[in-house]
Amino acid sequence: MSEISILHLSDIHFKAKKYEDSTTFREDVQRKMIETIKTYSTKHGIPHFVAVTGDIAFSGKEYDEAAAFFPEPIKSG
């Protein structure tokens, strides 16, 4: 039997940008997320699937921002 690995990200809750600090914060979170995924992938292999579940947007208006947050390799495989 083959194994399938899934990277599960949940309840991100993007909120509309109001201050430049939130942009810096998101960039920092994105960098740390990518580093963590790379470290995990080096040890365990690249996940077959990435699932983003739960509340992605805070008020339903932040989906474009959320889509821009994820790097292309995660979005396109």
PDB file of N, CA and C in Angstrom:
ATOM      1  N   MET A   1       0.842  -1.180   0.000  1.00  0.00           N
ATOM      2  CA  MET A   1       0.000   0.000   0.000  1.00  0.00           C
ATOM      3  C   MET A   1       0.890   1.247   0.000  1.00  0.00           C
ATOM      4  N   SER A   2       0.547   2.223  -0.809  1.00  0.00           N
ATOM      5  CA  SER A   2       1.289   3.472  -0.887  1.00  0.00           C
ATOM      6  C   SER A   2       0.791   4.460   0.158  1.00  0.00           C
ATOM      7  N   GLU A   3       1.683   5.359   0.545  1.00  0.00           N
ATOM      8  CA  GLU A   3       1.298   6.409   1.479  1.00  0.00           C
ATOM      9  C   GLU A   3       0.983   7.686   0.716  1.00  0.00           C
ATOM     10  N   ILE A   4       0.052   8.444   1.262  1.00  0.00           N
ATOM     11  CA  ILE A   4      -0.283   9.754   0.729  1.00  0.00           C
ATOM     12  C   ILE A   4      -0.108  10.746   1.878  1.00  0.00           C
ATOM     13  N   SER A   5       0.596  11.842   1.607  1.00  0.00           N
ATOM     14  CA  SER A   5       0.782  12.846   2.657  1.00  0.00           C
ATOM     15  C   SER A   5      -0.027  14.099   2.324  1.00  0.00           C
ATOM     16  N   ILE A   6      -0.575  14.691   3.379  1.00  0.00           N
ATOM     17  CA  ILE A   6      -1.405  15.882   3.231  1.00  0.00           C
ATOM     18  C   ILE A   6      -0.888  16.944   4.197  1.00  0.00           C
ATOM     19  N   LEU A   7      -0.619  18.117   3.674  1.00  0.00           N
ATOM     20  CA  LEU A   7      -0.293  19.271   4.509  1.00  0.00           C
ATOM     21  C   LEU A   7      -1.603  19.995   4.754  1.00  0.00           C
ATOM     22  N   HIS A   8      -1.990  20.127   6.012  1.00  0.00           N
ATOM     23  CA  HIS A   8      -3.281  20.717   6.357  1.00  0.00           C
ATOM     24  C   HIS A   8      -3.062  22.052   7.070  1.00  0.00           C
ATOM     25  N   LEU A   9      -3.548  23.120   6.471  1.00  0.00           N
ATOM     26  CA  LEU A   9      -3.514  24.450   7.065  1.00  0.00           C
ATOM     27  C   LEU A   9      -4.955  24.841   7.362  1.00  0.00           C
ATOM     28  N   SER A  10      -5.196  25.321   8.577  1.00  0.00           N
ATOM     29  CA  SER A  10      -6.578  25.545   8.974  1.00  0.00           C
ATOM     30  C   SER A  10      -6.774  26.883   9.672  1.00  0.00           C
ATOM     31  N   ASP A  11      -7.933  27.471   9.449  1.00  0.00           N
ATOM     32  CA  ASP A  11      -8.391  28.671  10.156  1.00  0.00           C
ATOM     33  C   ASP A  11      -7.385  29.818  10.101  1.00  0.00           C
ATOM     34  N   ILE A  12      -7.092  30.265   8.903  1.00  0.00           N
ATOM     35  CA  ILE A  12      -6.102  31.318   8.711  1.00  0.00           C
ATOM     36  C   ILE A  12      -6.661  32.695   9.085  1.00  0.00           C
ATOM     37  N   HIS A  13      -7.909  32.953   8.812  1.00  0.00           N
ATOM     38  CA  HIS A  13      -8.589  34.198   9.197  1.00  0.00           C
ATOM     39  C   HIS A  13      -7.891  35.453   8.679  1.00  0.00           C
ATOM     40  N   PHE A  14      -7.756  35.597   7.365  1.00  0.00           N
ATOM     41  CA  PHE A  14      -7.207  36.830   6.815  1.00  0.00           C
ATOM     42  C   PHE A  14      -8.136  37.983   7.129  1.00  0.00           C
ATOM     43  N   LYS A  15      -7.555  39.103   7.440  1.00  0.00           N
ATOM     44  CA  LYS A  15      -8.336  40.301   7.732  1.00  0.00           C
ATOM     45  C   LYS A  15      -7.841  41.413   6.819  1.00  0.00           C
ATOM     46  N   ALA A  16      -8.735  42.283   6.403  1.00  0.00           N
ATOM     47  CA  ALA A  16      -8.376  43.378   5.491  1.00  0.00           C
ATOM     48  C   ALA A  16      -7.223  44.193   6.068  1.00  0.00           C
ATOM     49  N   LYS A  17      -6.298  44.577   5.190  1.00  0.00           N
ATOM     50  CA  LYS A  17      -5.153  45.384   5.609  1.00  0.00           C
ATOM     51  C   LYS A  17      -5.624  46.774   6.033  1.00  0.00           C
ATOM     52  N   LYS A  18      -5.117  47.212   7.155  1.00  0.00           N
ATOM     53  CA  LYS A  18      -5.421  48.574   7.592  1.00  0.00           C
ATOM     54  C   LYS A  18      -4.134  49.362   7.796  1.00  0.00           C
ATOM     55  N   TYR A  19      -3.069  48.668   8.129  1.00  0.00           N
ATOM     56  CA  TYR A  19      -1.813  49.323   8.431  1.00  0.00           C
ATOM     57  C   TYR A  19      -0.673  48.595   7.729  1.00  0.00           C
ATOM     58  N   GLU A  20       0.409  49.283   7.490  1.00  0.00           N
ATOM     59  CA  GLU A  20       1.583  48.678   6.861  1.00  0.00           C
ATOM     60  C   GLU A  20       2.123  47.535   7.724  1.00  0.00           C
ATOM     61  N   ASP A  21       1.972  47.639   9.040  1.00  0.00           N
ATOM     62  CA  ASP A  21       2.451  46.579   9.932  1.00  0.00           C
ATOM     63  C   ASP A  21       1.821  45.242   9.584  1.00  0.00           C
ATOM     64  N   SER A  22       0.552  45.249   9.159  1.00  0.00           N
ATOM     65  CA  SER A  22      -0.099  43.985   8.830  1.00  0.00           C
ATOM     66  C   SER A  22       0.539  43.360   7.600  1.00  0.00           C
ATOM     67  N   THR A  23       1.019  44.191   6.653  1.00  0.00           N
ATOM     68  CA  THR A  23       1.711  43.676   5.472  1.00  0.00           C
ATOM     69  C   THR A  23       3.026  43.028   5.895  1.00  0.00           C
ATOM     70  N   THR A  24       3.775  43.701   6.728  1.00  0.00           N
ATOM     71  CA  THR A  24       5.040  43.160   7.225  1.00  0.00           C
ATOM     72  C   THR A  24       4.788  41.878   7.993  1.00  0.00           C
ATOM     73  N   PHE A  25       3.760  41.855   8.805  1.00  0.00           N
ATOM     74  CA  PHE A  25       3.421  40.661   9.577  1.00  0.00           C
ATOM     75  C   PHE A  25       3.106  39.488   8.649  1.00  0.00           C
ATOM     76  N   ARG A  26       2.286  39.730   7.610  1.00  0.00           N
ATOM     77  CA  ARG A  26       1.932  38.655   6.664  1.00  0.00           C
ATOM     78  C   ARG A  26       3.154  38.134   5.924  1.00  0.00           C
ATOM     79  N   GLU A  27       4.043  39.049   5.528  1.00  0.00           N
ATOM     80  CA  GLU A  27       5.271  38.623   4.843  1.00  0.00           C
ATOM     81  C   GLU A  27       6.125  37.761   5.760  1.00  0.00           C
ATOM     82  N   ASP A  28       6.195  38.117   7.028  1.00  0.00           N
ATOM     83  CA  ASP A  28       6.962  37.346   8.006  1.00  0.00           C
ATOM     84  C   ASP A  28       6.326  35.967   8.208  1.00  0.00           C
ATOM     85  N   VAL A  29       5.003  35.929   8.338  1.00  0.00           N
ATOM     86  CA  VAL A  29       4.297  34.655   8.503  1.00  0.00           C
ATOM     87  C   VAL A  29       4.479  33.787   7.264  1.00  0.00           C
ATOM     88  N   GLN A  30       4.380  34.399   6.076  1.00  0.00           N
ATOM     89  CA  GLN A  30       4.551  33.652   4.830  1.00  0.00           C
ATOM     90  C   GLN A  30       5.953  33.052   4.749  1.00  0.00           C
ATOM     91  N   ARG A  31       6.972  33.853   5.085  1.00  0.00           N
ATOM     92  CA  ARG A  31       8.360  33.369   5.055  1.00  0.00           C
ATOM     93  C   ARG A  31       8.542  32.191   6.009  1.00  0.00           C
ATOM     94  N   LYS A  32       8.004  32.313   7.214  1.00  0.00           N
ATOM     95  CA  LYS A  32       8.127  31.234   8.206  1.00  0.00           C
ATOM     96  C   LYS A  32       7.365  29.989   7.760  1.00  0.00           C
ATOM     97  N   MET A  33       6.202  30.187   7.144  1.00  0.00           N
ATOM     98  CA  MET A  33       5.431  29.041   6.651  1.00  0.00           C
ATOM     99  C   MET A  33       6.220  28.296   5.582  1.00  0.00           C
ATOM    100  N   ILE A  34       6.808  29.028   4.639  1.00  0.00           N
ATOM    101  CA  ILE A  34       7.583  28.403   3.566  1.00  0.00           C
ATOM    102  C   ILE A  34       8.802  27.673   4.134  1.00  0.00           C
ATOM    103  N   GLU A  35       9.494  28.292   5.078  1.00  0.00           N
ATOM    104  CA  GLU A  35      10.648  27.637   5.713  1.00  0.00           C
ATOM    105  C   GLU A  35      10.235  26.339   6.403  1.00  0.00           C
ATOM    106  N   THR A  36       9.108  26.374   7.105  1.00  0.00           N
ATOM    107  CA  THR A  36       8.625  25.184   7.810  1.00  0.00           C
ATOM    108  C   THR A  36       8.258  24.077   6.829  1.00  0.00           C
ATOM    109  N   ILE A  37       7.590  24.429   5.740  1.00  0.00           N
ATOM    110  CA  ILE A  37       7.225  23.436   4.725  1.00  0.00           C
ATOM    111  C   ILE A  37       8.477  22.837   4.095  1.00  0.00           C
ATOM    112  N   LYS A  38       9.470  23.671   3.798  1.00  0.00           N
ATOM    113  CA  LYS A  38      10.720  23.175   3.214  1.00  0.00           C
ATOM    114  C   LYS A  38      11.440  22.233   4.168  1.00  0.00           C
ATOM    115  N   THR A  39      11.503  22.594   5.438  1.00  0.00           N
ATOM    116  CA  THR A  39      12.150  21.735   6.433  1.00  0.00           C
ATOM    117  C   THR A  39      11.431  20.399   6.544  1.00  0.00           C
ATOM    118  N   TYR A  40      10.110  20.447   6.622  1.00  0.00           N
ATOM    119  CA  TYR A  40       9.320  19.219   6.698  1.00  0.00           C
ATOM    120  C   TYR A  40       9.536  18.369   5.448  1.00  0.00           C
ATOM    121  N   SER A  41       9.510  19.016   4.282  1.00  0.00           N
ATOM    122  CA  SER A  41       9.643  18.297   3.011  1.00  0.00           C
ATOM    123  C   SER A  41      11.011  17.641   2.872  1.00  0.00           C
ATOM    124  N   THR A  42      12.038  18.295   3.388  1.00  0.00           N
ATOM    125  CA  THR A  42      13.378  17.715   3.347  1.00  0.00           C
ATOM    126  C   THR A  42      13.433  16.440   4.176  1.00  0.00           C
ATOM    127  N   LYS A  43      12.789  16.441   5.315  1.00  0.00           N
ATOM    128  CA  LYS A  43      12.794  15.273   6.219  1.00  0.00           C
ATOM    129  C   LYS A  43      11.839  14.173   5.758  1.00  0.00           C
ATOM    130  N   HIS A  44      10.654  14.556   5.309  1.00  0.00           N
ATOM    131  CA  HIS A  44       9.584  13.587   5.082  1.00  0.00           C
ATOM    132  C   HIS A  44       9.112  13.462   3.635  1.00  0.00           C
ATOM    133  N   GLY A  45       9.620  14.311   2.757  1.00  0.00           N
ATOM    134  CA  GLY A  45       9.162  14.313   1.369  1.00  0.00           C
ATOM    135  C   GLY A  45       8.103  15.374   1.148  1.00  0.00           C
ATOM    136  N   ILE A  46       7.944  15.743  -0.098  1.00  0.00           N
ATOM    137  CA  ILE A  46       6.975  16.780  -0.465  1.00  0.00           C
ATOM    138  C   ILE A  46       5.561  16.224  -0.315  1.00  0.00           C
ATOM    139  N   PRO A  47       4.672  16.976   0.365  1.00  0.00           N
ATOM    140  CA  PRO A  47       3.293  16.495   0.517  1.00  0.00           C
ATOM    141  C   PRO A  47       2.620  16.325  -0.845  1.00  0.00           C
ATOM    142  N   HIS A  48       1.776  15.321  -0.946  1.00  0.00           N
ATOM    143  CA  HIS A  48       1.033  15.093  -2.181  1.00  0.00           C
ATOM    144  C   HIS A  48      -0.080  16.127  -2.368  1.00  0.00           C
ATOM    145  N   PHE A  49      -0.667  16.545  -1.267  1.00  0.00           N
ATOM    146  CA  PHE A  49      -1.786  17.489  -1.304  1.00  0.00           C
ATOM    147  C   PHE A  49      -1.601  18.543  -0.228  1.00  0.00           C
ATOM    148  N   VAL A  50      -2.127  19.734  -0.489  1.00  0.00           N
ATOM    149  CA  VAL A  50      -2.209  20.790   0.513  1.00  0.00           C
ATOM    150  C   VAL A  50      -3.683  21.124   0.671  1.00  0.00           C
ATOM    151  N   ALA A  51      -4.188  21.013   1.884  1.00  0.00           N
ATOM    152  CA  ALA A  51      -5.590  21.334   2.168  1.00  0.00           C
ATOM    153  C   ALA A  51      -5.635  22.581   3.047  1.00  0.00           C
ATOM    154  N   VAL A  52      -6.360  23.580   2.594  1.00  0.00           N
ATOM    155  CA  VAL A  52      -6.573  24.786   3.385  1.00  0.00           C
ATOM    156  C   VAL A  52      -8.050  24.794   3.737  1.00  0.00           C
ATOM    157  N   THR A  53      -8.344  24.636   5.017  1.00  0.00           N
ATOM    158  CA  THR A  53      -9.733  24.495   5.454  1.00  0.00           C
ATOM    159  C   THR A  53     -10.055  25.501   6.558  1.00  0.00           C
ATOM    160  N   GLY A  54     -11.266  25.462   7.002  1.00  0.00           N
ATOM    161  CA  GLY A  54     -11.688  26.358   8.067  1.00  0.00           C
ATOM    162  C   GLY A  54     -11.946  27.753   7.525  1.00  0.00           C
ATOM    163  N   ASP A  55     -11.919  28.718   8.398  1.00  0.00           N
ATOM    164  CA  ASP A  55     -12.171  30.105   8.009  1.00  0.00           C
ATOM    165  C   ASP A  55     -10.911  30.700   7.388  1.00  0.00           C
ATOM    166  N   ILE A  56     -10.989  31.012   6.102  1.00  0.00           N
ATOM    167  CA  ILE A  56      -9.847  31.604   5.412  1.00  0.00           C
ATOM    168  C   ILE A  56      -9.921  33.119   5.529  1.00  0.00           C
ATOM    169  N   ALA A  57     -11.088  33.685   5.334  1.00  0.00           N
ATOM    170  CA  ALA A  57     -11.275  35.128   5.417  1.00  0.00           C
ATOM    171  C   ALA A  57     -11.939  35.491   6.733  1.00  0.00           C
ATOM    172  N   PHE A  58     -11.641  36.677   7.205  1.00  0.00           N
ATOM    173  CA  PHE A  58     -12.214  37.135   8.464  1.00  0.00           C
ATOM    174  C   PHE A  58     -13.670  37.535   8.282  1.00  0.00           C
ATOM    175  N   SER A  59     -13.953  38.296   7.212  1.00  0.00           N
ATOM    176  CA  SER A  59     -15.322  38.767   7.021  1.00  0.00           C
ATOM    177  C   SER A  59     -15.874  38.437   5.637  1.00  0.00           C
ATOM    178  N   GLY A  60     -15.175  37.575   4.898  1.00  0.00           N
ATOM    179  CA  GLY A  60     -15.647  37.189   3.583  1.00  0.00           C
ATOM    180  C   GLY A  60     -15.203  38.107   2.463  1.00  0.00           C
ATOM    181  N   LYS A  61     -14.401  39.112   2.766  1.00  0.00           N
ATOM    182  CA  LYS A  61     -13.948  40.075   1.754  1.00  0.00           C
ATOM    183  C   LYS A  61     -12.462  39.928   1.446  1.00  0.00           C
ATOM    184  N   GLU A  62     -11.781  39.018   2.083  1.00  0.00           N
ATOM    185  CA  GLU A  62     -10.321  38.949   1.986  1.00  0.00           C
ATOM    186  C   GLU A  62      -9.806  37.782   1.153  1.00  0.00           C
ATOM    187  N   TYR A  63     -10.631  37.206   0.312  1.00  0.00           N
ATOM    188  CA  TYR A  63     -10.207  36.022  -0.433  1.00  0.00           C
ATOM    189  C   TYR A  63      -9.098  36.317  -1.441  1.00  0.00           C
ATOM    190  N   ASP A  64      -9.117  37.490  -2.085  1.00  0.00           N
ATOM    191  CA  ASP A  64      -8.042  37.837  -3.016  1.00  0.00           C
ATOM    192  C   ASP A  64      -6.711  37.941  -2.282  1.00  0.00           C
ATOM    193  N   GLU A  65      -6.748  38.558  -1.122  1.00  0.00           N
ATOM    194  CA  GLU A  65      -5.533  38.688  -0.316  1.00  0.00           C
ATOM    195  C   GLU A  65      -5.041  37.319   0.136  1.00  0.00           C
ATOM    196  N   ALA A  66      -5.951  36.464   0.526  1.00  0.00           N
ATOM    197  CA  ALA A  66      -5.575  35.109   0.946  1.00  0.00           C
ATOM    198  C   ALA A  66      -4.956  34.343  -0.213  1.00  0.00           C
ATOM    199  N   ALA A  67      -5.523  34.463  -1.405  1.00  0.00           N
ATOM    200  CA  ALA A  67      -4.976  33.766  -2.574  1.00  0.00           C
ATOM    201  C   ALA A  67      -3.570  34.267  -2.888  1.00  0.00           C
ATOM    202  N   ALA A  68      -3.335  35.555  -2.726  1.00  0.00           N
ATOM    203  CA  ALA A  68      -2.012  36.127  -2.994  1.00  0.00           C
ATOM    204  C   ALA A  68      -0.985  35.700  -1.944  1.00  0.00           C
ATOM    205  N   PHE A  69      -1.448  35.333  -0.765  1.00  0.00           N
ATOM    206  CA  PHE A  69      -0.553  34.946   0.328  1.00  0.00           C
ATOM    207  C   PHE A  69       0.195  33.648   0.016  1.00  0.00           C
ATOM    208  N   PHE A  70      -0.491  32.714  -0.638  1.00  0.00           N
ATOM    209  CA  PHE A  70       0.110  31.409  -0.882  1.00  0.00           C
ATOM    210  C   PHE A  70       1.020  31.439  -2.097  1.00  0.00           C
ATOM    211  N   PRO A  71       2.257  30.953  -1.948  1.00  0.00           N
ATOM    212  CA  PRO A  71       3.189  30.949  -3.069  1.00  0.00           C
ATOM    213  C   PRO A  71       2.714  30.041  -4.192  1.00  0.00           C
ATOM    214  N   GLU A  72       3.126  30.350  -5.412  1.00  0.00           N
ATOM    215  CA  GLU A  72       2.707  29.579  -6.587  1.00  0.00           C
ATOM    216  C   GLU A  72       2.968  28.084  -6.466  1.00  0.00           C
ATOM    217  N   PRO A  73       4.130  27.640  -5.971  1.00  0.00           N
ATOM    218  CA  PRO A  73       4.334  26.180  -5.888  1.00  0.00           C
ATOM    219  C   PRO A  73       3.276  25.469  -5.050  1.00  0.00           C
ATOM    220  N   ILE A  74       2.757  26.134  -4.051  1.00  0.00           N
ATOM    221  CA  ILE A  74       1.709  25.506  -3.242  1.00  0.00           C
ATOM    222  C   ILE A  74       0.394  25.519  -4.009  1.00  0.00           C
ATOM    223  N   LYS A  75       0.113  26.603  -4.717  1.00  0.00           N
ATOM    224  CA  LYS A  75      -1.147  26.696  -5.458  1.00  0.00           C
ATOM    225  C   LYS A  75      -1.164  25.795  -6.670  1.00  0.00           C
ATOM    226  N   SER A  76      -0.042  25.660  -7.351  1.00  0.00           N
ATOM    227  CA  SER A  76      -0.038  24.924  -8.614  1.00  0.00           C
ATOM    228  C   SER A  76       0.535  23.514  -8.527  1.00  0.00           C
ATOM    229  N   GLY A  77       1.147  23.191  -7.413  1.00  0.00           N
ATOM    230  CA  GLY A  77       1.708  21.858  -7.254  1.00  0.00           C
ATOM    231  C   GLY A  77       3.022  21.761  -7.920  1.00  0.00           C
TER     232      GLY A  77
END
